[in-house]
N, C-alpha and C. Protein backbone atom coordinates (compact mmCIF):
# COMPACT_ATOMS: atom_id res chain seq x y z
N MET A 1 131.35 142.85 23.89
CA MET A 1 132.79 142.74 24.10
C MET A 1 133.21 143.50 25.35
N GLU A 2 132.62 144.67 25.54
CA GLU A 2 132.97 145.50 26.70
C GLU A 2 132.66 144.78 28.00
N ARG A 3 131.52 144.10 28.06
CA ARG A 3 131.13 143.37 29.28
C ARG A 3 132.13 142.27 29.58
N ARG A 4 132.62 141.60 28.55
CA ARG A 4 133.61 140.54 28.72
C ARG A 4 134.91 141.11 29.28
N GLU A 5 135.30 142.28 28.79
CA GLU A 5 136.52 142.93 29.31
C GLU A 5 136.34 143.31 30.77
N GLU A 6 135.16 143.82 31.12
CA GLU A 6 134.89 144.17 32.52
C GLU A 6 134.96 142.93 33.39
N SER A 7 134.41 141.83 32.90
CA SER A 7 134.43 140.58 33.65
C SER A 7 135.87 140.12 33.86
N GLY A 8 136.71 140.22 32.81
CA GLY A 8 138.11 139.84 32.92
C GLY A 8 138.85 140.72 33.91
N LEU A 9 138.54 142.01 33.90
CA LEU A 9 139.17 142.95 34.82
C LEU A 9 138.79 142.60 36.25
N ARG A 10 137.52 142.33 36.47
CA ARG A 10 137.06 141.97 37.81
C ARG A 10 137.71 140.67 38.28
N GLU A 11 137.85 139.73 37.35
CA GLU A 11 138.48 138.46 37.70
C GLU A 11 139.92 138.68 38.15
N ARG A 12 140.64 139.53 37.43
CA ARG A 12 142.03 139.82 37.83
C ARG A 12 142.07 140.50 39.19
N GLU A 13 141.12 141.40 39.44
CA GLU A 13 141.08 142.08 40.74
C GLU A 13 140.86 141.07 41.87
N VAL A 14 139.98 140.11 41.64
CA VAL A 14 139.71 139.08 42.66
C VAL A 14 140.96 138.25 42.89
N ILE A 15 141.63 137.87 41.82
CA ILE A 15 142.86 137.08 41.96
C ILE A 15 143.91 137.84 42.77
N GLU A 16 144.05 139.12 42.48
CA GLU A 16 145.02 139.94 43.21
C GLU A 16 144.64 140.06 44.68
N GLU A 17 143.34 140.20 44.94
CA GLU A 17 142.86 140.27 46.33
C GLU A 17 143.21 138.99 47.08
N ILE A 18 142.95 137.86 46.46
CA ILE A 18 143.25 136.57 47.08
C ILE A 18 144.74 136.44 47.34
N ALA A 19 145.54 136.84 46.37
CA ALA A 19 147.00 136.74 46.49
C ALA A 19 147.52 137.59 47.65
N GLU A 20 146.87 138.72 47.91
CA GLU A 20 147.29 139.59 49.01
C GLU A 20 146.93 139.01 50.37
N GLU A 21 145.84 138.25 50.43
CA GLU A 21 145.34 137.77 51.71
C GLU A 21 145.84 136.39 52.11
N PHE A 22 146.20 135.56 51.13
CA PHE A 22 146.56 134.17 51.43
C PHE A 22 147.91 133.82 50.81
N THR A 23 148.64 132.97 51.50
CA THR A 23 149.89 132.47 50.94
C THR A 23 149.58 131.37 49.95
N THR A 24 150.55 131.04 49.13
CA THR A 24 150.38 129.95 48.16
C THR A 24 150.09 128.64 48.88
N GLU A 25 150.76 128.42 50.00
CA GLU A 25 150.55 127.18 50.77
C GLU A 25 149.12 127.10 51.30
N GLU A 26 148.60 128.23 51.80
CA GLU A 26 147.23 128.23 52.31
C GLU A 26 146.23 127.95 51.19
N LEU A 27 146.45 128.54 50.04
CA LEU A 27 145.55 128.32 48.91
C LEU A 27 145.62 126.86 48.45
N GLN A 28 146.81 126.29 48.40
CA GLN A 28 146.95 124.89 48.01
C GLN A 28 146.24 123.97 48.99
N GLU A 29 146.37 124.26 50.28
CA GLU A 29 145.69 123.46 51.30
C GLU A 29 144.17 123.54 51.13
N PHE A 30 143.67 124.72 50.85
CA PHE A 30 142.24 124.91 50.65
C PHE A 30 141.77 124.12 49.42
N LEU A 31 142.49 124.21 48.33
CA LEU A 31 142.10 123.53 47.10
C LEU A 31 142.25 122.01 47.21
N GLU A 32 143.14 121.55 48.06
CA GLU A 32 143.36 120.12 48.26
C GLU A 32 142.08 119.43 48.73
N ALA A 33 141.26 120.12 49.47
CA ALA A 33 140.02 119.54 50.00
C ALA A 33 139.10 119.06 48.88
N ASP A 34 139.17 119.68 47.71
CA ASP A 34 138.33 119.26 46.59
C ASP A 34 138.71 117.88 46.06
N ARG A 35 139.91 117.44 46.34
CA ARG A 35 140.36 116.14 45.85
C ARG A 35 139.85 114.99 46.71
N HIS A 36 139.36 115.32 47.90
CA HIS A 36 138.89 114.29 48.82
C HIS A 36 137.48 114.65 49.29
N PRO A 37 136.49 114.40 48.43
CA PRO A 37 135.13 114.78 48.82
C PRO A 37 134.65 113.99 50.04
N ILE A 38 133.88 114.67 50.85
CA ILE A 38 133.33 114.07 52.06
C ILE A 38 131.90 113.63 51.76
N LYS A 39 131.60 112.41 52.08
CA LYS A 39 130.24 111.89 51.86
C LYS A 39 129.32 112.47 52.93
N ALA A 40 128.18 112.98 52.49
CA ALA A 40 127.20 113.52 53.43
C ALA A 40 126.44 112.37 54.08
N ASP A 41 126.07 112.57 55.32
CA ASP A 41 125.28 111.60 56.06
C ASP A 41 123.94 111.41 55.34
N PRO A 42 123.56 110.18 55.02
CA PRO A 42 122.29 109.96 54.31
C PRO A 42 121.08 110.53 55.04
N ARG A 43 121.08 110.47 56.36
CA ARG A 43 119.95 111.02 57.12
C ARG A 43 119.89 112.54 56.96
N PHE A 44 121.05 113.19 57.01
CA PHE A 44 121.11 114.63 56.79
C PHE A 44 120.61 114.99 55.40
N LYS A 45 121.05 114.25 54.40
CA LYS A 45 120.62 114.51 53.02
C LYS A 45 119.10 114.38 52.88
N GLU A 46 118.55 113.36 53.49
CA GLU A 46 117.09 113.16 53.39
C GLU A 46 116.33 114.26 54.11
N GLU A 47 116.81 114.66 55.29
CA GLU A 47 116.15 115.76 56.01
C GLU A 47 116.22 117.05 55.21
N LEU A 48 117.37 117.32 54.61
CA LEU A 48 117.53 118.51 53.79
C LEU A 48 116.61 118.46 52.57
N ARG A 49 116.54 117.29 51.93
CA ARG A 49 115.66 117.13 50.78
C ARG A 49 114.21 117.43 51.16
N GLN A 50 113.77 116.90 52.31
CA GLN A 50 112.40 117.14 52.78
C GLN A 50 112.16 118.63 53.07
N LYS A 51 113.10 119.27 53.74
CA LYS A 51 112.95 120.70 54.05
C LYS A 51 112.86 121.53 52.78
N LEU A 52 113.72 121.24 51.82
CA LEU A 52 113.69 121.99 50.56
C LEU A 52 112.40 121.74 49.79
N TRP A 53 111.94 120.49 49.78
CA TRP A 53 110.70 120.17 49.09
C TRP A 53 109.53 120.91 49.75
N ASN A 54 109.49 120.91 51.08
CA ASN A 54 108.41 121.62 51.78
C ASN A 54 108.47 123.12 51.50
N LEU A 55 109.64 123.68 51.49
CA LEU A 55 109.81 125.09 51.19
C LEU A 55 109.30 125.40 49.78
N LEU A 56 109.65 124.56 48.84
CA LEU A 56 109.20 124.74 47.46
C LEU A 56 107.68 124.64 47.37
N GLN A 57 107.12 123.66 48.02
CA GLN A 57 105.66 123.48 47.99
C GLN A 57 104.95 124.69 48.59
N ARG A 58 105.46 125.21 49.70
CA ARG A 58 104.84 126.39 50.32
C ARG A 58 104.94 127.61 49.41
N SER A 59 106.05 127.75 48.73
CA SER A 59 106.21 128.92 47.85
C SER A 59 105.28 128.82 46.64
N ILE A 60 104.98 127.62 46.17
CA ILE A 60 104.07 127.43 45.04
C ILE A 60 102.64 127.70 45.48
N GLN A 61 102.28 127.32 46.69
CA GLN A 61 100.90 127.48 47.18
C GLN A 61 100.57 128.92 47.54
N ARG A 62 101.61 129.70 47.85
CA ARG A 62 101.39 131.08 48.24
C ARG A 62 100.98 131.92 47.03
N PRO A 63 99.90 132.71 47.14
CA PRO A 63 99.48 133.54 46.01
C PRO A 63 100.52 134.62 45.70
N SER A 64 100.70 134.88 44.44
CA SER A 64 101.66 135.89 44.01
C SER A 64 101.09 137.27 44.13
N ASN A 65 101.94 138.26 44.48
CA ASN A 65 101.52 139.65 44.58
C ASN A 65 101.85 140.42 43.32
N ASP A 66 102.25 139.73 42.26
CA ASP A 66 102.67 140.38 41.02
C ASP A 66 101.50 140.86 40.17
N SER A 67 100.27 140.48 40.47
CA SER A 67 99.14 140.84 39.60
C SER A 67 98.70 142.26 39.77
């Protein structure tokens, strides 16, 4: 229960911080972007997929130092 209260306190602190730094209009403009998702370029997505896959493969092949 205590951890949940700390989390709620931190959440309120973050909200207050945001309120101090941004106007309501700026926050609304920022949130508006979520209503109009931008489609990623298919070529970019494929290149990113390949890079991530290669990164994952290299990390699996590398011996672990945990032993």
